[in-house]
Amino acid sequence: MNKQTGLSCAAEMYLCAYEGILIDMMLGMSGVRPADSISENFIAQMIPHHQAAIAMSRNILRYTDNEELKEIARGIISSQTESIEDMRDIACSCGRQINGRTELNRYQCKVNTIIQVMFSEMINTGADNCINCDFLREMIPHHMGAVRMSRNALDFDICPQLKPILTAIIVSQEEGIQQMRELLQKLN
């Protein structure tokens, strides 16, 4: 136990890895050079978002013995890996769906707000020696960010191939949020 932080060595190692994942995601999502396509912009920001969820899930799998949480983490890895592949498959064709400047500005303004809220919520989850709870408190706002980003994109003129991917993100991540909230309540 670290006397300064009050955290176990395992909790400190878990949180150190989480902080690195969070920084990588923030840089990946914020570093996207805007294109003239909402579809292309969404894909470019959602891929590092999904990659972070995969890395966060792999991180918790190193520390948890909770079978329900292992199942959640493995499900995240599977679904988000598939979603990344689906987005990469359509990226070129969706990038040809051009949007006007006004629409692009409205979209990006909303996305920036969604991302800032998500980053803030993920940074300020609070850490303790319950690594399982830490993961759930971090992943819930992460999933909520994906749902909000997907709903926002659906409000605009986007590539038809992207729409079913967005719907799948919304459905799977809302189910995941509910499942994680229920587990968090049990663990608390």
Protein backbone atom coordinates (compact mmCIF):
# COMPACT_ATOMS: atom_id res chain seq x y z
CA MET A 1 0.00 0.00 0.00
CA ASN A 2 1.33 3.44 -0.94
CA LYS A 3 1.04 5.58 2.20
CA GLN A 4 0.77 8.82 0.21
CA THR A 5 -2.11 7.77 -2.01
CA GLY A 6 -3.68 5.05 0.13
CA LEU A 7 -3.87 2.87 -2.98
CA SER A 8 -2.62 -0.67 -3.28
CA CYS A 9 0.20 -1.39 -5.73
CA ALA A 10 -2.29 -3.13 -8.03
CA ALA A 11 -4.63 -0.12 -7.96
CA GLU A 12 -1.74 2.24 -8.72
CA MET A 13 -0.58 0.10 -11.65
CA TYR A 14 -4.13 -0.19 -12.99
CA LEU A 15 -4.68 3.58 -12.72
CA CYS A 16 -1.30 4.41 -14.27
CA ALA A 17 -2.20 2.31 -17.32
CA TYR A 18 -5.68 3.90 -17.42
CA GLU A 19 -4.19 7.40 -17.40
CA GLY A 20 -1.97 6.50 -20.36
CA ILE A 21 -4.95 5.08 -22.25
CA LEU A 22 -6.99 8.19 -21.51
CA ILE A 23 -4.21 10.50 -22.71
CA ASP A 24 -3.80 8.48 -25.92
CA MET A 25 -7.56 8.64 -26.55
CA MET A 26 -7.70 12.37 -25.88
CA LEU A 27 -4.80 13.02 -28.27
CA GLY A 28 -6.24 10.67 -30.90
CA MET A 29 -9.70 12.21 -30.82
CA SER A 30 -8.60 15.84 -30.53
CA GLY A 31 -5.83 15.50 -33.09
CA VAL A 32 -8.16 14.66 -35.97
CA ARG A 33 -7.71 17.10 -38.83
CA PRO A 34 -11.25 18.07 -39.83
CA ALA A 35 -12.37 17.02 -43.28
CA ASP A 36 -15.31 18.28 -45.34
CA SER A 37 -17.22 15.13 -44.42
CA ILE A 38 -19.10 14.57 -41.17
CA SER A 39 -18.93 10.83 -41.86
CA GLU A 40 -15.15 10.92 -42.25
CA ASN A 41 -14.75 13.09 -39.15
CA PHE A 42 -16.94 10.78 -37.07
CA ILE A 43 -14.98 7.69 -38.13
CA ALA A 44 -11.63 9.41 -37.51
CA GLN A 45 -12.66 10.30 -33.94
CA MET A 46 -14.57 7.12 -33.08
CA ILE A 47 -11.73 4.76 -33.98
CA PRO A 48 -9.37 6.08 -31.24
CA HIS A 49 -12.40 6.18 -28.92
CA HIS A 50 -13.07 2.48 -29.54
CA GLN A 51 -9.34 1.66 -29.32
CA ALA A 52 -9.33 3.21 -25.85
CA ALA A 53 -12.28 1.03 -24.77
CA ILE A 54 -10.40 -2.05 -25.98
CA ALA A 55 -7.25 -1.00 -24.10
CA MET A 56 -9.27 -0.19 -20.96
CA SER A 57 -10.91 -3.62 -21.14
CA ARG A 58 -7.57 -5.39 -21.57
CA ASN A 59 -6.28 -3.40 -18.60
CA ILE A 60 -9.10 -4.54 -16.29
CA LEU A 61 -8.73 -8.15 -17.43
CA ARG A 62 -5.23 -8.12 -15.89
CA TYR A 63 -6.62 -7.27 -12.47
CA THR A 64 -10.15 -8.60 -12.04
CA ASP A 65 -11.38 -11.94 -10.77
CA ASN A 66 -15.01 -10.90 -11.21
CA GLU A 67 -16.52 -13.17 -13.87
CA GLU A 68 -19.32 -10.74 -14.75
CA LEU A 69 -16.81 -7.95 -15.29
CA LYS A 70 -14.58 -10.24 -17.37
CA GLU A 71 -17.58 -10.99 -19.58
CA ILE A 72 -18.32 -7.27 -19.98
CA ALA A 73 -14.68 -6.51 -20.84
CA ARG A 74 -14.46 -9.33 -23.37
CA GLY A 75 -17.73 -8.17 -24.94
CA ILE A 76 -16.36 -4.64 -25.27
CA ILE A 77 -13.18 -5.94 -26.92
CA SER A 78 -15.17 -8.04 -29.37
CA SER A 79 -17.86 -5.51 -30.31
CA GLN A 80 -15.55 -2.53 -30.58
CA THR A 81 -12.95 -4.43 -32.61
CA GLU A 82 -15.72 -5.38 -35.03
CA SER A 83 -17.00 -1.78 -35.11
CA ILE A 84 -13.50 -0.46 -35.91
CA GLU A 85 -13.19 -2.95 -38.77
CA ASP A 86 -16.63 -1.95 -40.09
CA MET A 87 -15.72 1.75 -39.98
CA ARG A 88 -12.36 1.16 -41.68
CA ASP A 89 -14.12 -0.82 -44.43
CA ILE A 90 -16.38 2.14 -45.31
CA ALA A 91 -14.03 5.02 -44.52
CA CYS A 92 -13.01 5.76 -48.13
CA SER A 93 -16.51 5.70 -49.55
CA CYS A 94 -17.95 7.64 -46.61
CA GLY A 95 -15.27 10.29 -47.00
CA ARG A 96 -16.86 11.18 -50.34
CA GLN A 97 -20.05 12.28 -48.53
CA ILE A 98 -19.29 16.01 -48.41
CA ASN A 99 -21.11 18.42 -46.08
CA GLY A 100 -21.50 22.18 -46.22
CA ARG A 101 -19.54 24.50 -43.96
CA THR A 102 -22.56 25.46 -41.80
CA GLU A 103 -23.50 21.81 -41.23
CA LEU A 104 -19.88 20.88 -40.49
CA ASN A 105 -19.58 23.70 -37.95
CA ARG A 106 -22.84 22.71 -36.19
CA TYR A 107 -21.76 19.07 -36.08
CA GLN A 108 -18.26 19.83 -34.79
CA CYS A 109 -19.51 22.28 -32.17
CA LYS A 110 -21.77 19.58 -30.70
CA VAL A 111 -19.02 16.94 -30.92
CA ASN A 112 -16.55 19.20 -29.13
CA THR A 113 -19.03 19.64 -26.26
CA ILE A 114 -19.74 15.90 -26.09
CA ILE A 115 -16.02 15.07 -26.05
CA GLN A 116 -15.19 17.65 -23.39
CA VAL A 117 -17.94 16.36 -21.11
CA MET A 118 -16.79 12.77 -21.64
CA PHE A 119 -13.12 13.61 -20.98
CA SER A 120 -14.07 15.53 -17.84
CA GLU A 121 -16.25 12.71 -16.52
CA MET A 122 -13.58 10.11 -17.24
CA ILE A 123 -10.84 12.17 -15.57
CA ASN A 124 -12.91 12.92 -12.48
CA THR A 125 -14.24 9.45 -11.65
CA GLY A 126 -12.27 9.20 -8.43
CA ALA A 127 -10.06 6.23 -7.68
CA ASP A 128 -10.04 3.81 -4.80
CA ASN A 129 -8.81 0.30 -4.10
CA CYS A 130 -11.84 -1.23 -5.83
CA ILE A 131 -10.32 -1.61 -9.30
CA ASN A 132 -13.53 -3.22 -10.58
CA CYS A 133 -15.54 -0.15 -9.52
CA ASP A 134 -12.91 2.18 -10.96
CA PHE A 135 -13.23 0.50 -14.36
CA LEU A 136 -17.02 0.71 -14.34
CA ARG A 137 -16.99 4.38 -13.28
CA GLU A 138 -14.56 5.09 -16.14
CA MET A 139 -16.26 3.02 -18.82
CA ILE A 140 -19.80 4.29 -18.23
CA PRO A 141 -19.02 7.89 -19.32
CA HIS A 142 -16.87 6.49 -22.13
CA HIS A 143 -19.86 4.55 -23.48
CA MET A 144 -22.16 7.53 -22.92
CA GLY A 145 -19.79 9.62 -25.05
CA ALA A 146 -20.04 7.13 -27.91
CA VAL A 147 -23.84 7.10 -27.69
CA ARG A 148 -23.98 10.91 -27.73
CA MET A 149 -21.52 11.17 -30.61
CA SER A 150 -23.49 8.60 -32.62
CA ARG A 151 -26.83 10.29 -31.99
CA ASN A 152 -25.31 13.62 -32.94
CA ALA A 153 -23.98 12.25 -36.24
CA LEU A 154 -27.38 10.77 -37.07
CA ASP A 155 -28.83 14.31 -36.93
CA PHE A 156 -26.79 15.24 -40.01
CA ASP A 157 -26.41 14.21 -43.64
CA ILE A 158 -24.05 11.24 -43.35
CA CYS A 159 -22.99 8.28 -45.45
CA PRO A 160 -25.80 5.69 -45.61
CA GLN A 161 -23.29 2.90 -44.85
CA LEU A 162 -22.42 4.58 -41.55
CA LYS A 163 -25.98 4.71 -40.21
CA PRO A 164 -26.30 1.02 -39.25
CA ILE A 165 -22.91 1.19 -37.51
CA LEU A 166 -24.10 4.17 -35.47
CA THR A 167 -27.32 2.40 -34.58
CA ALA A 168 -25.32 -0.66 -33.48
CA ILE A 169 -23.05 1.55 -31.33
CA ILE A 170 -26.07 3.16 -29.66
CA VAL A 171 -27.84 -0.14 -28.97
CA SER A 172 -24.79 -2.08 -27.74
CA GLN A 173 -23.39 0.72 -25.62
CA GLU A 174 -26.72 1.62 -24.01
CA GLU A 175 -27.08 -2.07 -23.08
CA GLY A 176 -23.51 -2.01 -21.76
CA ILE A 177 -24.17 1.12 -19.69
CA GLN A 178 -27.18 -0.54 -18.06
CA GLN A 179 -25.25 -3.74 -17.38
CA MET A 180 -22.31 -1.79 -15.91
CA ARG A 181 -24.56 0.37 -13.70
CA GLU A 182 -26.21 -2.76 -12.31
CA LEU A 183 -22.84 -4.38 -11.59
CA LEU A 184 -21.51 -1.18 -10.03
CA GLN A 185 -24.53 -1.08 -7.73
CA LYS A 186 -23.86 -4.71 -6.70
CA LEU A 187 -20.17 -4.03 -6.08
CA ASN A 188 -20.86 -0.88 -4.06
